Amino acid sequence: MYPKLSDLINDIFGTNINLPIQSYGFFLAMAFLVAAIVLYYELSRKEKEGLIKTTTKQIWKDKPLSITELLISFIIAFIIGFKGIFAITKYQYFANNPQDFLLSTDGSLWGGIVLGSLYTAYLYYRNNFKNKKTPQKVELIVHASDHTWPIVFVAVIFGVIGAKFFHWLENWDEFMADPLDSLLSFAGLTFYGGLIVAAVAVVFYAKKNKIHWKHIADIVAPALIIAYGIGRLGCHIAGDGDWGIVNTLTKPDWLAFLPDWAWAYNYPNNIINEGIPISGCNGPHCMQLAQAVFPTPIYETTMALLIFLILWWLRKKIKTAGLLFAIYLMFNGFERFLIESIRVNNVFEFLGMNVTQAQVISTLIFLAGLILFVVLLKSRKPIKA
């Protein structure tokens, strides 16, 4: 496994670099980037088809910056300087412990003050001193594709909040043992919690910007599943504990084409240091699982890619708004329920059955998709912009 991106680079090219980029974080960033590309393309397409109309908004042009705006600019630049200068001067510490560094109070006070002051002075000179134009309100045309990054931003912020909240519900004892560490840690994220809360937030954003929820739902469906698949690939590369149960089964003959690690894998050098020591290994991640397990992240990445290709093929063929999202919900629920049978997870009793939180939610999501699918087919009312 490659807990850091530089571990992968060093293994491939035989180098010895040390980058402050964790593998999972890199793949998560790639997931958001790919999702943004899909969103941009689909938002533009919906606008061309007349399903989403452009809007206008009034903005001030040549207006001097207020004290509040200058103060916010100073604070942002101060934080960048405070952390950035220290990261440069103490690079090895930063590279070895990027998460601990970012969440710590370590930093360069003078670096923050200097960068904050210079940037604020530059903004004041450019907008308040040098600019002699009379402020005026102008009308700005907002195209559908202009909502791409705001939607991604809303989804990320509320997705993390939801993922954290649902993880706490599933691991309440862990949360109560150290609430502050659980709050600040980047670990412990429940996908369905993020999906549910982010979906509500994005719908509110769409409504505020006069985009019908059915259209935004269809737009985000392919983006969600491809982002999920890329994120799961990051889980596998880093070895973050999101793997399956112990697999002692013999690989069937009909799966002979698969490499052995795709059937059962012991995740050497995993980032959470779980398992037994690796003989002759030196470094911060020298553990591997005592028994090989199902590499479920690989299975989920594969299924996510297949679902994405199906949704991408269907998106122009389906004319009933919201139907594509309903199909996504059913695929998503089925995929997750299926993988939970061989995945390590917390089990609790529900209606006399031993199930996981994800199995309950995936069942509800599948049923919600099925109900939505039936209702939309019966109504077949076109939703205009």
Protein backbone atom coordinates (compact mmCIF):
# COMPACT_ATOMS: atom_id res chain seq x y z
CA MET A 1 0.00 0.00 0.00
CA TYR A 2 0.99 3.62 -0.46
CA PRO A 3 -0.16 5.83 2.42
CA LYS A 4 1.41 8.86 0.72
CA LEU A 5 1.53 9.79 -2.94
CA SER A 6 5.32 9.93 -2.79
CA ASP A 7 5.38 6.27 -1.66
CA LEU A 8 3.74 5.33 -4.96
CA ILE A 9 6.04 7.58 -7.00
CA ASN A 10 9.15 6.24 -5.26
CA ASP A 11 8.08 2.64 -5.84
CA ILE A 12 7.47 3.22 -9.55
CA PHE A 13 10.49 5.40 -10.37
CA GLY A 14 12.95 4.35 -7.65
CA THR A 15 13.18 7.90 -6.28
CA ASN A 16 13.36 9.02 -2.67
CA ILE A 17 11.12 12.07 -2.44
CA ASN A 18 8.86 12.99 0.45
CA LEU A 19 5.63 14.78 -0.51
CA PRO A 20 3.09 16.03 2.07
CA ILE A 21 0.22 14.50 0.10
CA GLN A 22 -1.63 11.50 1.47
CA SER A 23 -2.84 9.06 -1.17
CA TYR A 24 -6.45 9.07 0.00
CA GLY A 25 -6.52 12.87 0.03
CA PHE A 26 -5.12 12.94 -3.50
CA PHE A 27 -7.75 10.54 -4.83
CA LEU A 28 -10.46 12.43 -2.96
CA ALA A 29 -9.35 15.64 -4.68
CA MET A 30 -9.37 13.80 -8.02
CA ALA A 31 -12.89 12.57 -7.25
CA PHE A 32 -14.13 16.12 -6.74
CA LEU A 33 -12.31 17.32 -9.86
CA VAL A 34 -13.80 14.61 -12.07
CA ALA A 35 -17.24 15.22 -10.53
CA ALA A 36 -16.87 18.93 -11.29
CA ILE A 37 -16.04 18.17 -14.93
CA VAL A 38 -19.12 15.96 -15.25
CA LEU A 39 -21.28 18.62 -13.56
CA TYR A 40 -19.96 21.36 -15.85
CA TYR A 41 -20.66 19.31 -18.95
CA GLU A 42 -24.17 18.33 -17.87
CA LEU A 43 -25.13 21.81 -16.64
CA SER A 44 -24.06 23.24 -20.00
CA ARG A 45 -26.00 20.55 -21.88
CA LYS A 46 -29.17 21.17 -19.86
CA GLU A 47 -28.91 24.89 -20.59
CA LYS A 48 -28.53 24.24 -24.33
CA GLU A 49 -31.62 22.03 -24.21
CA GLY A 50 -33.55 24.85 -22.53
CA LEU A 51 -34.09 22.89 -19.31
CA ILE A 52 -32.07 25.35 -17.24
CA LYS A 53 -32.27 29.03 -18.02
CA THR A 54 -29.63 31.67 -17.48
CA THR A 55 -30.26 34.13 -14.67
CA THR A 56 -28.96 37.59 -13.89
CA LYS A 57 -27.66 39.22 -10.77
CA GLN A 58 -26.64 42.71 -9.81
CA ILE A 59 -23.03 43.27 -8.76
CA TRP A 60 -21.02 46.34 -7.85
CA LYS A 61 -18.23 47.29 -10.24
CA ASP A 62 -15.29 49.46 -9.13
CA LYS A 63 -16.59 49.59 -5.57
CA PRO A 64 -13.89 50.19 -2.92
CA LEU A 65 -13.32 47.33 -0.49
CA SER A 66 -14.89 47.74 2.93
CA ILE A 67 -13.04 47.39 6.22
CA THR A 68 -14.70 43.99 6.69
CA GLU A 69 -13.54 42.77 3.28
CA LEU A 70 -10.00 43.96 3.93
CA LEU A 71 -10.00 42.29 7.34
CA ILE A 72 -11.19 38.97 5.88
CA SER A 73 -8.49 39.21 3.20
CA PHE A 74 -5.87 39.84 5.89
CA ILE A 75 -7.03 36.83 7.93
CA ILE A 76 -6.92 34.49 4.91
CA ALA A 77 -3.46 35.71 3.86
CA PHE A 78 -2.27 35.52 7.48
CA ILE A 79 -3.29 31.86 7.76
CA ILE A 80 -1.56 31.04 4.46
CA GLY A 81 1.60 32.80 5.56
CA PHE A 82 1.40 31.41 9.10
CA LYS A 83 1.19 27.82 7.91
CA GLY A 84 2.96 28.14 4.56
CA ILE A 85 6.21 29.74 5.73
CA PHE A 86 6.47 27.29 8.62
CA ALA A 87 5.83 24.37 6.26
CA ILE A 88 8.70 25.53 4.04
CA THR A 89 11.15 26.02 6.89
CA LYS A 90 10.11 22.78 8.64
CA TYR A 91 9.38 20.78 5.52
CA GLN A 92 10.18 17.29 6.81
CA TYR A 93 7.90 17.74 9.82
CA PHE A 94 5.14 19.02 7.54
CA ALA A 95 5.66 16.27 4.94
CA ASN A 96 5.67 13.48 7.52
CA ASN A 97 2.65 14.74 9.47
CA PRO A 98 0.54 16.98 7.16
CA GLN A 99 -2.72 16.36 9.00
CA ASP A 100 -1.26 16.92 12.47
CA PHE A 101 0.50 20.06 11.23
CA LEU A 102 -2.61 21.58 9.64
CA LEU A 103 -4.69 20.99 12.78
CA SER A 104 -1.98 22.21 15.15
CA THR A 105 -1.14 25.74 16.32
CA ASP A 106 2.34 25.43 14.80
CA GLY A 107 3.20 28.16 12.34
CA SER A 108 5.26 31.24 11.58
CA LEU A 109 3.76 34.31 13.28
CA TRP A 110 5.97 36.72 11.35
CA GLY A 111 5.25 34.91 8.11
CA GLY A 112 1.53 35.36 8.69
CA ILE A 113 1.82 39.02 9.65
CA VAL A 114 4.07 39.91 6.72
CA LEU A 115 2.02 38.10 4.06
CA GLY A 116 -1.27 39.31 5.53
CA SER A 117 -0.08 42.91 5.65
CA LEU A 118 1.42 42.90 2.15
CA TYR A 119 -1.64 41.32 0.55
CA THR A 120 -4.07 43.63 2.34
CA ALA A 121 -1.97 46.67 1.41
CA TYR A 122 -1.95 45.53 -2.22
CA LEU A 123 -5.74 45.12 -2.27
CA TYR A 124 -6.22 48.54 -0.66
CA TYR A 125 -3.88 50.20 -3.17
CA ARG A 126 -5.52 48.50 -6.18
CA ASN A 127 -9.18 48.90 -5.19
CA ASN A 128 -9.32 51.91 -2.85
CA PHE A 129 -6.37 54.16 -3.74
CA LYS A 130 -5.46 53.63 -7.39
CA ASN A 131 -9.02 53.06 -8.65
CA LYS A 132 -10.71 56.41 -9.26
CA LYS A 133 -13.74 55.11 -11.14
CA THR A 134 -17.24 55.76 -9.87
CA PRO A 135 -18.85 52.62 -8.41
CA GLN A 136 -21.83 51.38 -10.38
CA LYS A 137 -24.16 48.40 -10.38
CA VAL A 138 -23.97 46.15 -13.43
CA GLU A 139 -26.04 43.18 -14.47
CA LEU A 140 -24.17 39.90 -14.73
CA ILE A 141 -25.48 36.91 -16.71
CA VAL A 142 -25.16 33.65 -14.78
CA HIS A 143 -24.98 30.55 -16.98
CA ALA A 144 -25.85 27.09 -15.70
CA SER A 145 -22.20 26.01 -15.82
CA ASP A 146 -21.31 28.90 -13.49
CA HIS A 147 -22.92 26.89 -10.70
CA THR A 148 -20.38 24.07 -11.04
CA TRP A 149 -17.92 25.01 -8.31
CA PRO A 150 -20.53 26.46 -5.92
CA ILE A 151 -22.36 23.11 -6.11
CA VAL A 152 -19.12 21.21 -5.50
CA PHE A 153 -18.28 23.51 -2.57
CA VAL A 154 -21.72 23.05 -0.99
CA ALA A 155 -21.54 19.28 -1.51
CA VAL A 156 -18.06 19.06 0.04
CA ILE A 157 -18.85 21.15 3.14
CA PHE A 158 -22.18 19.55 3.95
CA GLY A 159 -20.99 16.13 2.79
CA VAL A 160 -18.18 16.15 5.36
CA ILE A 161 -20.59 17.34 8.07
CA GLY A 162 -23.06 14.58 7.23
CA ALA A 163 -20.36 11.92 6.93
CA LYS A 164 -18.96 12.88 10.33
CA PHE A 165 -22.37 12.97 12.00
CA PHE A 166 -23.42 9.54 10.75
CA HIS A 167 -20.03 8.10 11.70
CA TRP A 168 -20.53 9.39 15.26
CA LEU A 169 -23.95 7.77 15.40
CA GLU A 170 -22.44 4.47 14.27
CA ASN A 171 -19.45 4.77 16.64
CA TRP A 172 -20.90 6.69 19.59
CA ASP A 173 -18.56 5.18 22.19
CA GLU A 174 -15.53 6.21 20.13
CA PHE A 175 -16.88 9.74 19.81
CA MET A 176 -17.61 10.10 23.52
CA ALA A 177 -14.13 8.81 24.43
CA ASP A 178 -12.46 11.75 22.67
CA PRO A 179 -14.98 14.19 21.10
CA LEU A 180 -12.37 16.83 20.17
CA ASP A 181 -10.09 14.38 18.35
CA SER A 182 -13.08 12.84 16.58
CA LEU A 183 -14.25 16.30 15.52
CA LEU A 184 -10.90 17.45 14.13
CA SER A 185 -9.74 14.17 12.63
CA PHE A 186 -10.06 13.62 8.87
CA ALA A 187 -10.69 9.94 9.59
CA GLY A 188 -14.10 8.45 10.23
CA LEU A 189 -16.42 9.39 7.38
CA THR A 190 -19.64 7.57 6.54
CA PHE A 191 -20.51 7.82 2.85
CA TYR A 192 -24.28 7.67 3.20
CA GLY A 193 -24.27 10.38 5.85
CA GLY A 194 -22.38 12.63 3.47
CA LEU A 195 -24.65 11.72 0.55
CA ILE A 196 -27.89 12.48 2.40
CA VAL A 197 -26.84 15.79 3.96
CA ALA A 198 -25.03 16.98 0.82
CA ALA A 199 -28.07 16.10 -1.33
CA VAL A 200 -30.36 18.23 0.83
CA ALA A 201 -27.91 21.14 0.73
CA VAL A 202 -27.47 20.96 -3.06
CA VAL A 203 -31.26 20.86 -3.59
CA PHE A 204 -31.62 24.01 -1.45
CA TYR A 205 -28.87 25.69 -3.46
CA ALA A 206 -30.54 24.68 -6.74
CA LYS A 207 -33.93 25.95 -5.60
CA LYS A 208 -32.40 29.27 -4.58
CA ASN A 209 -30.91 29.57 -8.06
CA LYS A 210 -34.12 28.56 -9.87
CA ILE A 211 -33.00 25.09 -10.94
CA HIS A 212 -35.65 22.40 -10.54
CA TRP A 213 -34.59 19.66 -8.15
CA LYS A 214 -35.27 16.95 -10.72
CA HIS A 215 -32.85 18.48 -13.18
CA ILE A 216 -30.09 18.96 -10.62
CA ALA A 217 -30.69 15.40 -9.38
CA ASP A 218 -30.22 13.98 -12.89
CA ILE A 219 -27.13 16.13 -13.37
CA VAL A 220 -25.38 15.02 -10.18
CA ALA A 221 -26.22 11.30 -10.51
CA PRO A 222 -23.32 10.35 -12.86
CA ALA A 223 -20.98 12.71 -11.00
CA LEU A 224 -21.77 11.12 -7.65
CA ILE A 225 -21.12 7.55 -8.71
CA ILE A 226 -17.84 8.25 -10.56
CA ALA A 227 -16.59 10.32 -7.62
CA TYR A 228 -17.50 7.48 -5.27
CA GLY A 229 -15.55 5.00 -7.36
CA ILE A 230 -12.44 7.20 -7.43
CA GLY A 231 -12.71 7.74 -3.67
CA ARG A 232 -12.88 3.99 -3.07
CA LEU A 233 -9.75 3.55 -5.20
CA GLY A 234 -8.07 5.95 -2.81
CA CYS A 235 -9.20 3.78 0.11
CA HIS A 236 -7.52 0.77 -1.50
CA ILE A 237 -4.27 2.54 -2.40
CA ALA A 238 -3.89 3.96 1.12
CA GLY A 239 -5.14 0.86 2.93
CA ASP A 240 -7.35 2.88 5.26
CA GLY A 241 -9.21 -0.06 6.82
CA ASP A 242 -12.13 0.07 4.42
CA TRP A 243 -11.63 -3.53 3.34
CA GLY A 244 -13.57 -6.77 3.46
CA ILE A 245 -13.78 -9.71 5.83
CA VAL A 246 -11.13 -12.45 5.96
CA ASN A 247 -11.15 -14.47 2.75
CA THR A 248 -9.89 -18.05 3.11
CA LEU A 249 -11.83 -19.29 0.09
CA THR A 250 -10.06 -20.74 -2.93
CA LYS A 251 -10.36 -18.53 -5.98
CA PRO A 252 -12.87 -20.12 -8.41
CA ASP A 253 -11.60 -21.29 -11.79
CA TRP A 254 -13.91 -18.89 -13.61
CA LEU A 255 -12.06 -16.02 -11.89
CA ALA A 256 -8.63 -17.32 -12.88
CA PHE A 257 -8.05 -14.20 -14.99
CA LEU A 258 -8.01 -12.07 -11.82
CA PRO A 259 -4.68 -11.45 -10.10
CA ASP A 260 -4.49 -13.07 -6.67
CA TRP A 261 -4.53 -9.70 -4.86
CA ALA A 262 -7.94 -8.94 -6.40
CA TRP A 263 -9.35 -12.03 -4.67
CA ALA A 264 -7.60 -11.90 -1.31
CA TYR A 265 -5.17 -9.25 -0.10
CA ASN A 266 -3.34 -8.54 3.16
CA TYR A 267 -2.80 -4.79 2.62
CA PRO A 268 0.93 -4.44 3.40
CA ASN A 269 2.10 -1.00 4.59
CA ASN A 270 -1.49 0.08 5.27
CA ILE A 271 -1.87 3.62 6.60
CA ILE A 272 -3.66 2.61 9.81
CA ASN A 273 -0.86 0.21 10.80
CA GLU A 274 -3.20 -2.71 11.36
CA GLY A 275 -2.03 -6.32 11.51
CA ILE A 276 1.40 -7.85 12.10
CA PRO A 277 4.91 -6.44 11.47
CA ILE A 278 6.45 -6.85 8.02
CA SER A 279 9.85 -8.48 8.26
CA GLY A 280 12.72 -6.21 7.24
CA CYS A 281 10.50 -3.15 6.81
CA ASN A 282 11.63 0.26 8.06
CA GLY A 283 9.36 3.26 8.21
CA PRO A 284 6.13 4.54 9.73
CA HIS A 285 3.90 1.99 7.98
CA CYS A 286 5.30 -1.51 8.37
CA MET A 287 2.24 -3.63 9.14
CA GLN A 288 0.14 -6.03 7.11
CA LEU A 289 -2.99 -8.03 7.89
CA ALA A 290 -2.35 -11.46 9.39
CA GLN A 291 -4.99 -12.95 7.08
CA ALA A 292 -5.90 -11.85 3.59
CA VAL A 293 -9.27 -10.15 3.14
CA PHE A 294 -11.61 -9.31 0.28
CA PRO A 295 -10.30 -6.07 -1.33
CA THR A 296 -13.80 -4.57 -1.38
CA PRO A 297 -12.70 -1.05 -2.44
CA ILE A 298 -11.57 -2.52 -5.76
CA TYR A 299 -14.95 -4.21 -6.22
CA GLU A 300 -16.77 -0.97 -5.45
CA THR A 301 -14.59 1.02 -7.83
CA THR A 302 -15.35 -1.47 -10.58
CA MET A 303 -19.10 -1.43 -9.91
CA ALA A 304 -19.11 2.37 -9.68
CA LEU A 305 -17.43 2.64 -13.08
CA LEU A 306 -19.97 0.27 -14.64
CA ILE A 307 -22.89 2.19 -13.10
CA PHE A 308 -21.39 5.47 -14.33
CA LEU A 309 -21.12 4.15 -17.89
CA ILE A 310 -24.76 2.99 -17.79
CA LEU A 311 -25.99 6.35 -16.44
CA TRP A 312 -23.86 8.23 -18.96
CA TRP A 313 -25.37 6.17 -21.78
CA LEU A 314 -28.92 6.68 -20.49
CA ARG A 315 -28.73 10.40 -19.70
CA LYS A 316 -29.68 11.59 -23.23
CA LYS A 317 -32.16 8.80 -23.87
CA ILE A 318 -34.35 9.44 -20.81
CA LYS A 319 -36.69 12.38 -21.25
CA THR A 320 -38.54 12.21 -17.91
CA ALA A 321 -36.82 14.53 -15.45
CA GLY A 322 -35.68 12.82 -12.26
CA LEU A 323 -35.77 9.31 -13.72
CA LEU A 324 -32.01 9.08 -14.13
CA PHE A 325 -31.56 9.94 -10.46
CA ALA A 326 -34.08 7.28 -9.48
CA ILE A 327 -32.05 4.71 -11.43
CA TYR A 328 -28.89 5.93 -9.70
CA LEU A 329 -30.51 5.46 -6.28
CA MET A 330 -31.48 1.88 -7.10
CA PHE A 331 -28.03 1.05 -8.46
CA ASN A 332 -26.36 2.70 -5.50
CA GLY A 333 -28.51 0.94 -2.93
CA PHE A 334 -28.09 -2.45 -4.59
CA GLU A 335 -24.32 -2.07 -4.96
CA ARG A 336 -23.77 -1.06 -1.35
CA PHE A 337 -26.11 -3.69 0.10
CA LEU A 338 -24.31 -6.33 -1.92
CA ILE A 339 -20.80 -5.31 -0.84
CA GLU A 340 -21.78 -5.07 2.84
CA SER A 341 -22.08 -8.87 2.98
CA ILE A 342 -18.28 -9.19 2.67
CA ARG A 343 -17.18 -5.85 4.13
CA VAL A 344 -15.89 -5.10 7.63
CA ASN A 345 -18.40 -2.90 9.42
CA ASN A 346 -20.17 -2.35 12.71
CA VAL A 347 -23.19 -4.65 13.12
CA PHE A 348 -26.26 -3.90 15.24
CA GLU A 349 -29.65 -5.49 15.78
CA PHE A 350 -32.53 -4.07 13.76
CA LEU A 351 -35.99 -5.67 13.67
CA GLY A 352 -34.50 -8.92 14.95
CA MET A 353 -31.76 -8.99 12.29
CA ASN A 354 -28.02 -8.33 12.54
CA VAL A 355 -27.33 -5.61 9.99
CA THR A 356 -24.99 -2.71 9.37
CA GLN A 357 -26.01 0.94 9.21
CA ALA A 358 -25.12 0.96 5.51
CA GLN A 359 -27.36 -2.04 4.80
CA VAL A 360 -30.35 -0.31 6.39
CA ILE A 361 -29.71 2.97 4.57
CA SER A 362 -28.90 1.27 1.25
CA THR A 363 -32.20 -0.63 1.45
CA LEU A 364 -34.10 2.59 2.10
CA ILE A 365 -32.25 4.33 -0.74
CA PHE A 366 -33.08 1.48 -3.14
CA LEU A 367 -36.75 1.63 -2.13
CA ALA A 368 -36.77 5.41 -2.47
CA GLY A 369 -35.33 5.08 -5.96
CA LEU A 370 -37.88 2.42 -6.89
CA ILE A 371 -40.80 4.49 -5.61
CA LEU A 372 -39.51 7.60 -7.37
CA PHE A 373 -39.03 5.59 -10.58
CA VAL A 374 -42.63 4.29 -10.52
CA VAL A 375 -44.14 7.68 -9.64
CA LEU A 376 -42.22 9.47 -12.38
CA LEU A 377 -43.15 6.87 -14.99
CA LYS A 378 -46.81 7.23 -14.09
CA SER A 379 -46.81 11.02 -14.15
CA ARG A 380 -44.42 11.60 -17.08
CA LYS A 381 -44.83 15.34 -16.71
CA PRO A 382 -42.03 17.26 -18.44
CA ILE A 383 -40.28 19.75 -16.18
CA LYS A 384 -39.42 22.93 -17.95
CA ALA A 385 -36.82 25.45 -16.87
